Amino acid sequence: MHTLYYAPGAASFVVHWLLIELNIPHALEKVDFSSKQQKSPEYLALNPNGVVPTLVIDGKPLYEAAALLLHLADSRPEAGFAPPPGTLQRGAYYQWMLHLANTLQPPFRLWWYPAEAAGEAHSEAAKAVAEAKIHAVFAQLDAHLAANGPYMLGEKVSAVDFMLVMLMRWSRFMPKTALDYPALAHLASLMKARPSWKQLYETEELTEWA
């Protein structure tokens, strides 16, 4: 049995999306950020980082969104969301997933919560630095997709595309968003046309960037 601890639109979004896409039976436990439930002793016993997602599988808690996507894709190889182990495509799959997790996701955290790293006095400067880093990665990804797309690994969708579209969604309040990049916008249109996207939005009660 899978149980996902989530908050609507947070990093748990992509894990929830893949659970739906892969038709994996799961239960949902909503984590109340307004009361800081993610910092409670009960939740920290599951995920000592105090963030979402946490995915409990047969009583064992696992966390880190990118790692969970890699695991879920491998658990349902018939879906074809991960290239075969040992292939060059598998290497590219790891490359892009880790690139998104290590290079694109961290500056988003800084953009949304600049005072965490820089303090209130320097939060606007920190936010500007984060935004510049995000757009540098978006430009790189857009060029890659324009030359090799429509998906990150070429003609076939993979778990990497789910991760990228979630991070693209996080740019929705920026002056310039991910959808201002043509190849990224095309990828988003393909992924948002999947029935799982509609189900995800309905379940998490989301409306922005639908």
N, C-alpha and C. Protein backbone atom coordinates (compact mmCIF):
# COMPACT_ATOMS: atom_id res chain seq x y z
N MET A 1 0.84 -1.20 0.00
CA MET A 1 0.00 0.00 0.00
C MET A 1 0.88 1.24 0.00
N HIS A 2 0.49 2.23 -0.77
CA HIS A 2 1.19 3.51 -0.85
C HIS A 2 0.35 4.59 -0.17
N THR A 3 0.99 5.39 0.67
CA THR A 3 0.35 6.55 1.28
C THR A 3 1.22 7.75 1.04
N LEU A 4 0.67 8.77 0.39
CA LEU A 4 1.41 9.98 0.06
C LEU A 4 1.03 11.11 1.01
N TYR A 5 2.02 11.65 1.70
CA TYR A 5 1.85 12.86 2.49
C TYR A 5 2.15 14.03 1.56
N TYR A 6 1.18 14.93 1.39
CA TYR A 6 1.27 15.94 0.35
C TYR A 6 0.72 17.27 0.82
N ALA A 7 1.06 18.31 0.09
CA ALA A 7 0.41 19.62 0.21
C ALA A 7 0.10 20.06 -1.21
N PRO A 8 -1.08 20.58 -1.48
CA PRO A 8 -1.46 20.92 -2.85
C PRO A 8 -0.45 21.84 -3.54
N GLY A 9 0.01 21.41 -4.71
CA GLY A 9 0.91 22.22 -5.51
C GLY A 9 2.36 22.22 -5.08
N ALA A 10 2.69 21.60 -3.95
CA ALA A 10 4.07 21.55 -3.48
C ALA A 10 4.84 20.47 -4.24
N ALA A 11 6.03 20.13 -3.78
CA ALA A 11 6.85 19.15 -4.49
C ALA A 11 6.21 17.77 -4.53
N SER A 12 5.26 17.54 -3.66
CA SER A 12 4.51 16.28 -3.68
C SER A 12 3.63 16.15 -4.92
N PHE A 13 3.37 17.28 -5.56
CA PHE A 13 2.50 17.35 -6.74
C PHE A 13 2.91 16.31 -7.79
N VAL A 14 4.20 16.24 -8.09
CA VAL A 14 4.67 15.37 -9.17
C VAL A 14 4.59 13.90 -8.78
N VAL A 15 4.79 13.60 -7.51
CA VAL A 15 4.67 12.21 -7.05
C VAL A 15 3.21 11.77 -7.12
N HIS A 16 2.32 12.64 -6.68
CA HIS A 16 0.89 12.37 -6.79
C HIS A 16 0.50 12.14 -8.24
N TRP A 17 1.01 12.99 -9.13
CA TRP A 17 0.71 12.89 -10.56
C TRP A 17 1.14 11.54 -11.12
N LEU A 18 2.34 11.09 -10.76
CA LEU A 18 2.82 9.83 -11.30
C LEU A 18 2.08 8.64 -10.70
N LEU A 19 1.68 8.74 -9.45
CA LEU A 19 0.86 7.68 -8.86
C LEU A 19 -0.44 7.51 -9.64
N ILE A 20 -1.06 8.63 -10.01
CA ILE A 20 -2.28 8.59 -10.80
C ILE A 20 -1.99 8.02 -12.19
N GLU A 21 -0.96 8.55 -12.82
CA GLU A 21 -0.62 8.14 -14.18
C GLU A 21 -0.33 6.64 -14.26
N LEU A 22 0.34 6.10 -13.26
CA LEU A 22 0.70 4.68 -13.25
C LEU A 22 -0.39 3.80 -12.68
N ASN A 23 -1.49 4.43 -12.27
CA ASN A 23 -2.63 3.68 -11.72
C ASN A 23 -2.22 2.84 -10.51
N ILE A 24 -1.40 3.44 -9.65
CA ILE A 24 -0.96 2.78 -8.43
C ILE A 24 -1.95 3.13 -7.32
N PRO A 25 -2.61 2.15 -6.70
CA PRO A 25 -3.53 2.46 -5.61
C PRO A 25 -2.80 3.18 -4.47
N HIS A 26 -3.40 4.24 -3.97
CA HIS A 26 -2.74 5.02 -2.94
C HIS A 26 -3.75 5.76 -2.08
N ALA A 27 -3.32 6.06 -0.87
CA ALA A 27 -4.09 6.92 0.03
C ALA A 27 -3.36 8.25 0.13
N LEU A 28 -4.10 9.29 0.45
CA LEU A 28 -3.54 10.63 0.58
C LEU A 28 -3.69 11.14 2.01
N GLU A 29 -2.61 11.74 2.50
CA GLU A 29 -2.64 12.40 3.80
C GLU A 29 -2.18 13.84 3.58
N LYS A 30 -3.12 14.77 3.70
CA LYS A 30 -2.80 16.18 3.47
C LYS A 30 -2.05 16.75 4.67
N VAL A 31 -0.93 17.41 4.41
CA VAL A 31 -0.12 18.02 5.45
C VAL A 31 -0.47 19.51 5.51
N ASP A 32 -0.88 19.97 6.67
CA ASP A 32 -1.34 21.35 6.84
C ASP A 32 -0.16 22.27 7.10
N PHE A 33 0.26 22.98 6.07
CA PHE A 33 1.39 23.89 6.22
C PHE A 33 1.05 25.08 7.11
N SER A 34 -0.22 25.48 7.13
CA SER A 34 -0.59 26.67 7.90
C SER A 34 -0.37 26.47 9.40
N SER A 35 -0.48 25.24 9.85
CA SER A 35 -0.23 24.92 11.26
C SER A 35 1.16 24.33 11.47
N LYS A 36 1.97 24.33 10.40
CA LYS A 36 3.32 23.76 10.42
C LYS A 36 3.33 22.29 10.82
N GLN A 37 2.33 21.58 10.32
CA GLN A 37 2.26 20.15 10.61
C GLN A 37 3.51 19.41 10.13
N GLN A 38 4.14 19.95 9.07
CA GLN A 38 5.33 19.30 8.53
C GLN A 38 6.51 19.35 9.50
N LYS A 39 6.42 20.18 10.53
CA LYS A 39 7.48 20.28 11.53
C LYS A 39 7.09 19.58 12.84
N SER A 40 5.97 18.91 12.86
CA SER A 40 5.52 18.23 14.07
C SER A 40 6.38 16.99 14.33
N PRO A 41 6.50 16.56 15.58
CA PRO A 41 7.28 15.36 15.88
C PRO A 41 6.78 14.13 15.12
N GLU A 42 5.47 14.05 14.94
CA GLU A 42 4.91 12.89 14.24
C GLU A 42 5.35 12.85 12.78
N TYR A 43 5.33 14.03 12.14
CA TYR A 43 5.73 14.04 10.74
C TYR A 43 7.24 13.90 10.60
N LEU A 44 7.98 14.53 11.48
CA LEU A 44 9.44 14.44 11.41
C LEU A 44 9.93 13.01 11.63
N ALA A 45 9.13 12.19 12.29
CA ALA A 45 9.49 10.79 12.45
C ALA A 45 9.43 10.05 11.12
N LEU A 46 8.61 10.58 10.19
CA LEU A 46 8.53 10.01 8.85
C LEU A 46 9.56 10.62 7.91
N ASN A 47 9.70 11.94 8.00
CA ASN A 47 10.61 12.67 7.11
C ASN A 47 11.33 13.72 7.94
N PRO A 48 12.57 13.45 8.33
CA PRO A 48 13.29 14.37 9.21
C PRO A 48 13.59 15.72 8.59
N ASN A 49 13.41 15.85 7.26
CA ASN A 49 13.62 17.13 6.60
C ASN A 49 12.44 18.08 6.80
N GLY A 50 11.30 17.55 7.24
CA GLY A 50 10.15 18.40 7.51
C GLY A 50 9.55 19.05 6.29
N VAL A 51 9.56 18.33 5.16
CA VAL A 51 8.98 18.83 3.92
C VAL A 51 8.15 17.71 3.29
N VAL A 52 7.40 18.06 2.26
CA VAL A 52 6.72 17.05 1.46
C VAL A 52 7.46 16.96 0.13
N PRO A 53 7.39 15.79 -0.52
CA PRO A 53 6.55 14.64 -0.22
C PRO A 53 7.23 13.64 0.71
N THR A 54 6.39 12.83 1.34
CA THR A 54 6.81 11.58 1.94
C THR A 54 5.87 10.52 1.39
N LEU A 55 6.43 9.44 0.91
CA LEU A 55 5.64 8.34 0.38
C LEU A 55 5.92 7.12 1.23
N VAL A 56 4.90 6.63 1.92
CA VAL A 56 5.04 5.45 2.75
C VAL A 56 4.58 4.25 1.93
N ILE A 57 5.50 3.31 1.73
CA ILE A 57 5.22 2.11 0.95
C ILE A 57 5.37 0.90 1.86
N ASP A 58 4.26 0.21 2.07
CA ASP A 58 4.26 -0.96 2.96
C ASP A 58 4.91 -0.65 4.30
N GLY A 59 4.58 0.52 4.85
CA GLY A 59 5.05 0.90 6.17
C GLY A 59 6.41 1.57 6.20
N LYS A 60 7.10 1.67 5.06
CA LYS A 60 8.43 2.26 5.00
C LYS A 60 8.36 3.64 4.37
N PRO A 61 8.74 4.71 5.11
CA PRO A 61 8.69 6.05 4.53
C PRO A 61 9.90 6.33 3.64
N LEU A 62 9.63 6.90 2.48
CA LEU A 62 10.65 7.35 1.54
C LEU A 62 10.38 8.82 1.20
N TYR A 63 11.42 9.56 0.89
CA TYR A 63 11.21 10.97 0.52
C TYR A 63 12.22 11.39 -0.52
N GLU A 64 12.16 12.67 -0.92
CA GLU A 64 12.86 13.29 -2.05
C GLU A 64 12.09 13.00 -3.35
N ALA A 65 11.49 14.03 -3.90
CA ALA A 65 10.58 13.88 -5.04
C ALA A 65 11.24 13.17 -6.21
N ALA A 66 12.46 13.59 -6.59
CA ALA A 66 13.12 12.98 -7.74
C ALA A 66 13.38 11.50 -7.51
N ALA A 67 13.82 11.16 -6.31
CA ALA A 67 14.08 9.75 -5.99
C ALA A 67 12.79 8.93 -6.05
N LEU A 68 11.71 9.51 -5.58
CA LEU A 68 10.42 8.81 -5.61
C LEU A 68 9.96 8.59 -7.05
N LEU A 69 10.18 9.56 -7.92
CA LEU A 69 9.81 9.39 -9.33
C LEU A 69 10.62 8.26 -9.97
N LEU A 70 11.92 8.24 -9.70
CA LEU A 70 12.76 7.17 -10.25
C LEU A 70 12.27 5.81 -9.77
N HIS A 71 11.94 5.72 -8.50
CA HIS A 71 11.47 4.45 -7.94
C HIS A 71 10.12 4.04 -8.54
N LEU A 72 9.20 4.98 -8.61
CA LEU A 72 7.86 4.64 -9.12
C LEU A 72 7.93 4.23 -10.59
N ALA A 73 8.72 4.93 -11.38
CA ALA A 73 8.85 4.56 -12.79
C ALA A 73 9.41 3.15 -12.94
N ASP A 74 10.40 2.81 -12.11
CA ASP A 74 10.97 1.46 -12.16
C ASP A 74 10.01 0.40 -11.66
N SER A 75 9.10 0.80 -10.77
CA SER A 75 8.17 -0.18 -10.22
C SER A 75 7.09 -0.60 -11.21
N ARG A 76 6.93 0.20 -12.27
CA ARG A 76 5.96 -0.12 -13.32
C ARG A 76 6.65 -0.01 -14.69
N PRO A 77 7.60 -0.91 -14.96
CA PRO A 77 8.37 -0.79 -16.22
C PRO A 77 7.51 -0.87 -17.47
N GLU A 78 6.36 -1.52 -17.36
CA GLU A 78 5.49 -1.65 -18.53
C GLU A 78 4.97 -0.30 -19.02
N ALA A 79 4.99 0.72 -18.16
CA ALA A 79 4.53 2.06 -18.57
C ALA A 79 5.55 2.75 -19.47
N GLY A 80 6.80 2.34 -19.41
CA GLY A 80 7.82 2.90 -20.28
C GLY A 80 8.29 4.29 -19.90
N PHE A 81 8.14 4.69 -18.64
CA PHE A 81 8.54 6.02 -18.21
C PHE A 81 10.02 6.11 -17.82
N ALA A 82 10.73 4.99 -17.87
CA ALA A 82 12.17 4.97 -17.59
C ALA A 82 12.84 4.08 -18.63
N PRO A 83 13.90 4.55 -19.28
CA PRO A 83 14.60 3.70 -20.25
C PRO A 83 15.23 2.49 -19.58
N PRO A 84 15.53 1.45 -20.32
CA PRO A 84 16.13 0.24 -19.73
C PRO A 84 17.46 0.53 -19.06
N PRO A 85 17.73 -0.09 -17.91
CA PRO A 85 19.03 0.09 -17.24
C PRO A 85 20.18 -0.30 -18.15
N GLY A 86 21.27 0.45 -18.03
CA GLY A 86 22.46 0.14 -18.80
C GLY A 86 22.52 0.79 -20.17
N THR A 87 21.44 1.41 -20.61
CA THR A 87 21.43 2.05 -21.92
C THR A 87 21.87 3.51 -21.80
N LEU A 88 22.28 4.09 -22.93
CA LEU A 88 22.63 5.51 -22.94
C LEU A 88 21.43 6.38 -22.61
N GLN A 89 20.26 5.95 -23.05
CA GLN A 89 19.04 6.69 -22.71
C GLN A 89 18.82 6.72 -21.20
N ARG A 90 19.18 5.60 -20.54
CA ARG A 90 19.05 5.57 -19.08
C ARG A 90 20.00 6.59 -18.45
N GLY A 91 21.20 6.71 -19.01
CA GLY A 91 22.14 7.72 -18.52
C GLY A 91 21.61 9.12 -18.68
N ALA A 92 21.02 9.40 -19.84
CA ALA A 92 20.43 10.72 -20.07
C ALA A 92 19.26 10.97 -19.13
N TYR A 93 18.49 9.95 -18.86
CA TYR A 93 17.35 10.02 -17.94
C TYR A 93 17.82 10.43 -16.54
N TYR A 94 18.85 9.76 -16.04
CA TYR A 94 19.42 10.14 -14.74
C TYR A 94 19.96 11.57 -14.79
N GLN A 95 20.67 11.88 -15.86
CA GLN A 95 21.27 13.21 -16.00
C GLN A 95 20.23 14.30 -15.86
N TRP A 96 19.15 14.20 -16.62
CA TRP A 96 18.15 15.27 -16.61
C TRP A 96 17.37 15.30 -15.30
N MET A 97 17.07 14.15 -14.73
CA MET A 97 16.34 14.15 -13.46
C MET A 97 17.17 14.82 -12.37
N LEU A 98 18.45 14.48 -12.30
CA LEU A 98 19.30 15.08 -11.27
C LEU A 98 19.57 16.55 -11.57
N HIS A 99 19.65 16.90 -12.83
CA HIS A 99 19.82 18.30 -13.21
C HIS A 99 18.64 19.13 -12.72
N LEU A 100 17.44 18.62 -12.92
CA LEU A 100 16.25 19.35 -12.45
C LEU A 100 16.24 19.46 -10.93
N ALA A 101 16.56 18.35 -10.26
CA ALA A 101 16.52 18.34 -8.79
C ALA A 101 17.62 19.20 -8.17
N ASN A 102 18.78 19.23 -8.81
CA ASN A 102 19.94 19.91 -8.22
C ASN A 102 20.15 21.33 -8.72
N THR A 103 19.69 21.62 -9.94
CA THR A 103 19.99 22.92 -10.56
C THR A 103 18.77 23.82 -10.69
N LEU A 104 17.60 23.24 -10.92
CA LEU A 104 16.39 24.07 -11.09
C LEU A 104 15.55 24.16 -9.82
N GLN A 105 15.38 23.08 -9.12
CA GLN A 105 14.51 23.12 -7.94
C GLN A 105 15.06 24.02 -6.82
N PRO A 106 16.37 23.99 -6.50
CA PRO A 106 16.85 24.83 -5.40
C PRO A 106 16.62 26.33 -5.57
N PRO A 107 16.88 26.93 -6.74
CA PRO A 107 16.59 28.37 -6.85
C PRO A 107 15.10 28.70 -6.76
N PHE A 108 14.24 27.74 -7.08
CA PHE A 108 12.81 27.98 -6.86
C PHE A 108 12.52 28.12 -5.37
N ARG A 109 13.15 27.28 -4.57
CA ARG A 109 12.97 27.41 -3.12
C ARG A 109 13.40 28.81 -2.66
N LEU A 110 14.52 29.27 -3.20
CA LEU A 110 15.02 30.60 -2.84
C LEU A 110 14.08 31.69 -3.33
N TRP A 111 13.50 31.51 -4.52
CA TRP A 111 12.59 32.52 -5.06
C TRP A 111 11.32 32.63 -4.21
N TRP A 112 10.79 31.48 -3.80
CA TRP A 112 9.56 31.49 -3.02
C TRP A 112 9.79 31.93 -1.58
N TYR A 113 10.96 31.58 -1.03
CA TYR A 113 11.24 31.87 0.39
C TYR A 113 12.61 32.55 0.52
N PRO A 114 12.80 33.74 -0.07
CA PRO A 114 14.14 34.35 -0.09
C PRO A 114 14.68 34.70 1.29
N ALA A 115 13.80 35.00 2.23
CA ALA A 115 14.27 35.39 3.56
C ALA A 115 14.92 34.23 4.30
N GLU A 116 14.60 33.00 3.91
CA GLU A 116 15.21 31.84 4.56
C GLU A 116 16.72 31.88 4.45
N ALA A 117 17.21 32.24 3.28
CA ALA A 117 18.65 32.22 3.03
C ALA A 117 19.31 33.57 3.25
N ALA A 118 18.59 34.64 2.92
CA ALA A 118 19.23 35.96 2.89
C ALA A 118 18.78 36.89 4.00
N GLY A 119 17.73 36.53 4.73
CA GLY A 119 17.17 37.45 5.71
C GLY A 119 16.26 38.46 5.04
N GLU A 120 15.40 39.07 5.82
CA GLU A 120 14.41 40.00 5.27
C GLU A 120 15.07 41.18 4.56
N ALA A 121 16.18 41.67 5.07
CA ALA A 121 16.81 42.86 4.51
C ALA A 121 17.35 42.63 3.10
N HIS A 122 17.67 41.39 2.78
CA HIS A 122 18.28 41.10 1.48
C HIS A 122 17.41 40.17 0.64
N SER A 123 16.16 40.02 1.01
CA SER A 123 15.31 39.03 0.35
C SER A 123 15.04 39.37 -1.11
N GLU A 124 14.87 40.66 -1.44
CA GLU A 124 14.59 41.02 -2.83
C GLU A 124 15.80 40.75 -3.73
N ALA A 125 16.99 41.02 -3.22
CA ALA A 125 18.20 40.73 -3.99
C ALA A 125 18.35 39.23 -4.20
N ALA A 126 18.08 38.46 -3.15
CA ALA A 126 18.17 37.01 -3.26
C ALA A 126 17.16 36.47 -4.26
N LYS A 127 15.98 37.05 -4.25
CA LYS A 127 14.93 36.63 -5.18
C LYS A 127 15.34 36.91 -6.62
N ALA A 128 15.97 38.04 -6.85
CA ALA A 128 16.42 38.38 -8.21
C ALA A 128 17.50 37.42 -8.69
N VAL A 129 18.42 37.06 -7.81
CA VAL A 129 19.47 36.10 -8.17
C VAL A 129 18.84 34.74 -8.51
N ALA A 130 17.88 34.31 -7.69
CA ALA A 130 17.21 33.04 -7.93
C ALA A 130 16.48 33.04 -9.27
N GLU A 131 15.80 34.14 -9.56
CA GLU A 131 15.05 34.23 -10.81
C GLU A 131 15.99 34.15 -12.02
N ALA A 132 17.13 34.80 -11.93
CA ALA A 132 18.10 34.74 -13.03
C ALA A 132 18.60 33.32 -13.24
N LYS A 133 18.85 32.59 -12.16
CA LYS A 133 19.31 31.21 -12.27
C LYS A 133 18.23 30.33 -12.90
N ILE A 134 16.99 30.55 -12.50
CA ILE A 134 15.88 29.77 -13.04
C ILE A 134 15.77 29.97 -14.55
N HIS A 135 15.86 31.21 -14.97
CA HIS A 135 15.72 31.49 -16.41
C HIS A 135 16.91 30.99 -17.21
N ALA A 136 18.08 30.95 -16.61
CA ALA A 136 19.24 30.38 -17.31
C ALA A 136 19.00 28.89 -17.58
N VAL A 137 18.42 28.19 -16.59
CA VAL A 137 18.12 26.77 -16.78
C VAL A 137 16.98 26.59 -17.78
N PHE A 138 15.95 27.41 -17.67
CA PHE A 138 14.84 27.33 -18.63
C PHE A 138 15.34 27.52 -20.07
N ALA A 139 16.23 28.47 -20.27
CA ALA A 139 16.76 28.70 -21.62
C ALA A 139 17.52 27.49 -22.13
N GLN A 140 18.29 26.87 -21.24
CA GLN A 140 19.03 25.66 -21.62
C GLN A 140 18.07 24.53 -21.98
N LEU A 141 17.07 24.33 -21.15
CA LEU A 141 16.10 23.25 -21.39
C LEU A 141 15.29 23.50 -22.65
N ASP A 142 14.92 24.76 -22.88
CA ASP A 142 14.16 25.09 -24.08
C ASP A 142 14.97 24.80 -25.33
N ALA A 143 16.25 25.13 -25.31
CA ALA A 143 17.12 24.84 -26.46
C ALA A 143 17.25 23.34 -26.68
N HIS A 144 17.37 22.59 -25.59
CA HIS A 144 17.46 21.13 -25.71
C HIS A 144 16.20 20.56 -26.32
N LEU A 145 15.04 21.01 -25.85
CA LEU A 145 13.78 20.50 -26.37
C LEU A 145 13.57 20.90 -27.82
N ALA A 146 13.96 22.11 -28.17
CA ALA A 146 13.81 22.56 -29.56
C ALA A 146 14.62 21.69 -30.51
N ALA A 147 15.76 21.24 -30.05
CA ALA A 147 16.64 20.43 -30.90
C ALA A 147 16.35 18.93 -30.82
N ASN A 148 15.79 18.48 -29.70
CA ASN A 148 15.70 17.04 -29.46
C ASN A 148 14.33 16.55 -29.03
N GLY A 149 13.36 17.45 -28.89
CA GLY A 149 12.06 17.12 -28.30
C GLY A 149 11.16 16.30 -29.18
N PRO A 150 9.87 16.27 -28.82
CA PRO A 150 9.19 17.22 -27.94
C PRO A 150 9.36 16.95 -26.44
N TYR A 151 9.83 15.73 -26.08
CA TYR A 151 10.05 15.39 -24.68
C TYR A 151 11.53 15.45 -24.36
N MET A 152 11.88 15.42 -23.10
CA MET A 152 13.28 15.57 -22.71
C MET A 152 14.16 14.45 -23.26
N LEU A 153 13.60 13.26 -23.43
CA LEU A 153 14.38 12.15 -23.98
C LEU A 153 14.06 11.91 -25.45
N GLY A 154 13.36 12.83 -26.08
CA GLY A 154 13.08 12.70 -27.50
C GLY A 154 11.61 12.53 -27.79
N GLU A 155 11.27 11.44 -28.47
CA GLU A 155 9.90 11.22 -28.91
C GLU A 155 9.01 10.61 -27.85
N LYS A 156 9.61 10.12 -26.75
CA LYS A 156 8.84 9.36 -25.78
C LYS A 156 8.85 10.05 -24.42
N VAL A 157 7.70 10.12 -23.81
CA VAL A 157 7.58 10.74 -22.49
C VAL A 157 8.28 9.87 -21.45
N SER A 158 8.86 10.53 -20.44
CA SER A 158 9.49 9.83 -19.32
C SER A 158 9.15 10.55 -18.03
N ALA A 159 9.57 9.98 -16.91
CA ALA A 159 9.32 10.60 -15.61
C ALA A 159 9.96 11.98 -15.52
N VAL A 160 11.02 12.22 -16.29
CA VAL A 160 11.67 13.53 -16.29
C VAL A 160 10.70 14.63 -16.72
N ASP A 161 9.85 14.34 -17.68
CA ASP A 161 8.91 15.35 -18.19
C ASP A 161 7.90 15.74 -17.11
N PHE A 162 7.49 14.79 -16.30
CA PHE A 162 6.57 15.11 -15.20
C PHE A 162 7.25 16.06 -14.22
N MET A 163 8.50 15.78 -13.88
CA MET A 163 9.25 16.62 -12.95
C MET A 163 9.41 18.03 -13.52
N LEU A 164 9.77 18.12 -14.79
CA LEU A 164 9.99 19.43 -15.40
C LEU A 164 8.72 20.26 -15.43
N VAL A 165 7.61 19.65 -15.78
CA VAL A 165 6.36 20.43 -15.86
C VAL A 165 5.93 20.91 -14.48
N MET A 166 6.14 20.11 -13.43
CA MET A 166 5.85 20.61 -12.10
C MET A 166 6.67 21.86 -11.80
N LEU A 167 7.97 21.83 -12.11
CA LEU A 167 8.82 22.98 -11.83
C LEU A 167 8.46 24.17 -12.71
N MET A 168 8.04 23.91 -13.94
CA MET A 168 7.57 24.98 -14.79
C MET A 168 6.37 25.69 -14.16
N ARG A 169 5.49 24.91 -13.58
CA ARG A 169 4.30 25.47 -12.94
C ARG A 169 4.68 26.45 -11.83
N TRP A 170 5.78 26.18 -11.16
CA TRP A 170 6.21 27.03 -10.05
C TRP A 170 6.61 28.44 -10.52
N SER A 171 6.80 28.63 -11.81
CA SER A 171 7.17 29.96 -12.33
C SER A 171 5.96 30.84 -12.61
N ARG A 172 4.78 30.38 -12.31
CA ARG A 172 3.55 31.02 -12.79
C ARG A 172 3.38 32.45 -12.29
N PHE A 173 4.02 32.84 -11.19
CA PHE A 173 3.87 34.19 -10.67
C PHE A 173 5.06 35.09 -11.03
N MET A 174 5.99 34.58 -11.81
CA MET A 174 7.13 35.39 -12.23
C MET A 174 6.72 36.32 -13.37
N PRO A 175 7.40 37.45 -13.53
CA PRO A 175 7.09 38.33 -14.67
C PRO A 175 7.23 37.61 -16.00
N LYS A 176 8.25 36.80 -16.13
CA LYS A 176 8.43 35.93 -17.29
C LYS A 176 8.33 34.50 -16.80
N THR A 177 7.47 33.70 -17.43
CA THR A 177 7.25 32.35 -16.94
C THR A 177 7.82 31.32 -17.90
N ALA A 178 7.76 30.07 -17.49
CA ALA A 178 8.24 28.98 -18.34
C ALA A 178 7.50 28.92 -19.66
N LEU A 179 6.25 29.36 -19.68
CA LEU A 179 5.45 29.29 -20.90
C LEU A 179 5.87 30.33 -21.93
N ASP A 180 6.77 31.24 -21.57
CA ASP A 180 7.30 32.19 -22.53
C ASP A 180 8.42 31.58 -23.39
N TYR A 181 8.79 30.35 -23.09
CA TYR A 181 9.78 29.62 -23.88
C TYR A 181 9.02 28.63 -24.78
N PRO A 182 9.12 28.76 -26.09
CA PRO A 182 8.24 27.99 -27.00
C PRO A 182 8.30 26.48 -26.83
N ALA A 183 9.48 25.91 -26.74
CA ALA A 183 9.58 24.45 -26.63
C ALA A 183 9.08 23.96 -25.28
N LEU A 184 9.36 24.73 -24.23
CA LEU A 184 8.83 24.39 -22.92
C LEU A 184 7.30 24.48 -22.92
N ALA A 185 6.77 25.52 -23.54
CA ALA A 185 5.31 25.67 -23.61
C ALA A 185 4.68 24.49 -24.36
N HIS A 186 5.34 24.03 -25.41
CA HIS A 186 4.81 22.88 -26.15
C HIS A 186 4.82 21.63 -25.28
N LEU A 187 5.90 21.41 -24.55
CA LEU A 187 5.95 20.27 -23.63
C LEU A 187 4.82 20.35 -22.61
N ALA A 188 4.61 21.53 -22.05
CA ALA A 188 3.54 21.70 -21.05
C ALA A 188 2.18 21.37 -21.65
N SER A 189 1.94 21.79 -22.89
CA SER A 189 0.64 21.51 -23.52
C SER A 189 0.44 20.02 -23.71
N LEU A 190 1.49 19.30 -24.05
CA LEU A 190 1.39 17.84 -24.22
C LEU A 190 1.10 17.16 -22.88
N MET A 191 1.81 17.57 -21.85
CA MET A 191 1.66 16.91 -20.55
C MET A 191 0.33 17.26 -19.88
N LYS A 192 -0.12 18.50 -20.06
CA LYS A 192 -1.38 18.92 -19.45
C LYS A 192 -2.60 18.34 -20.17
N ALA A 193 -2.38 17.78 -21.36
CA ALA A 193 -3.47 17.13 -22.08
C ALA A 193 -3.72 15.71 -21.58
N ARG A 194 -2.84 15.20 -20.73
CA ARG A 194 -3.00 13.83 -20.22
C ARG A 194 -4.16 13.80 -19.22
N PRO A 195 -5.01 12.78 -19.26
CA PRO A 195 -6.13 12.71 -18.32
C PRO A 195 -5.70 12.77 -16.85
N SER A 196 -4.51 12.29 -16.55
CA SER A 196 -4.02 12.30 -15.17
C SER A 196 -3.87 13.72 -14.64
N TRP A 197 -3.58 14.68 -15.53
CA TRP A 197 -3.44 16.08 -15.10
C TRP A 197 -4.78 16.60 -14.57
N LYS A 198 -5.84 16.35 -15.28
CA LYS A 198 -7.16 16.80 -14.85
C LYS A 198 -7.54 16.17 -13.52
N GLN A 199 -7.26 14.87 -13.39
CA GLN A 199 -7.58 14.19 -12.13
C GLN A 199 -6.76 14.76 -10.98
N LEU A 200 -5.50 15.03 -11.24
CA LEU A 200 -4.62 15.60 -10.21
C LEU A 200 -5.15 16.94 -9.74
N TYR A 201 -5.52 17.80 -10.68
CA TYR A 201 -6.02 19.13 -10.33
C TYR A 201 -7.33 19.03 -9.53
N GLU A 202 -8.18 18.13 -9.92
CA GLU A 202 -9.44 17.98 -9.20
C GLU A 202 -9.19 17.48 -7.78
N THR A 203 -8.30 16.52 -7.63
CA THR A 203 -8.05 15.94 -6.31
C THR A 203 -7.37 16.93 -5.39
N GLU A 204 -6.41 17.69 -5.91
CA GLU A 204 -5.70 18.66 -5.06
C GLU A 204 -6.42 20.01 -5.00
N GLU A 205 -7.54 20.13 -5.72
CA GLU A 205 -8.37 21.34 -5.72
C GLU A 205 -7.55 22.55 -6.16
N LEU A 206 -6.86 22.38 -7.28
CA LEU A 206 -6.03 23.45 -7.84
C LEU A 206 -6.74 24.08 -9.03
N THR A 207 -6.45 25.34 -9.29
CA THR A 207 -7.03 26.03 -10.45
C THR A 207 -5.97 26.77 -11.26
N GLU A 208 -4.94 27.32 -10.60
CA GLU A 208 -3.92 28.12 -11.28
C GLU A 208 -3.11 27.24 -12.24
N TRP A 209 -2.85 27.79 -13.41
CA TRP A 209 -1.99 27.14 -14.41
C TRP A 209 -2.63 25.86 -14.93
N ALA A 210 -3.96 25.79 -14.92
CA ALA A 210 -4.64 24.59 -15.38
C ALA A 210 -4.52 24.44 -16.88
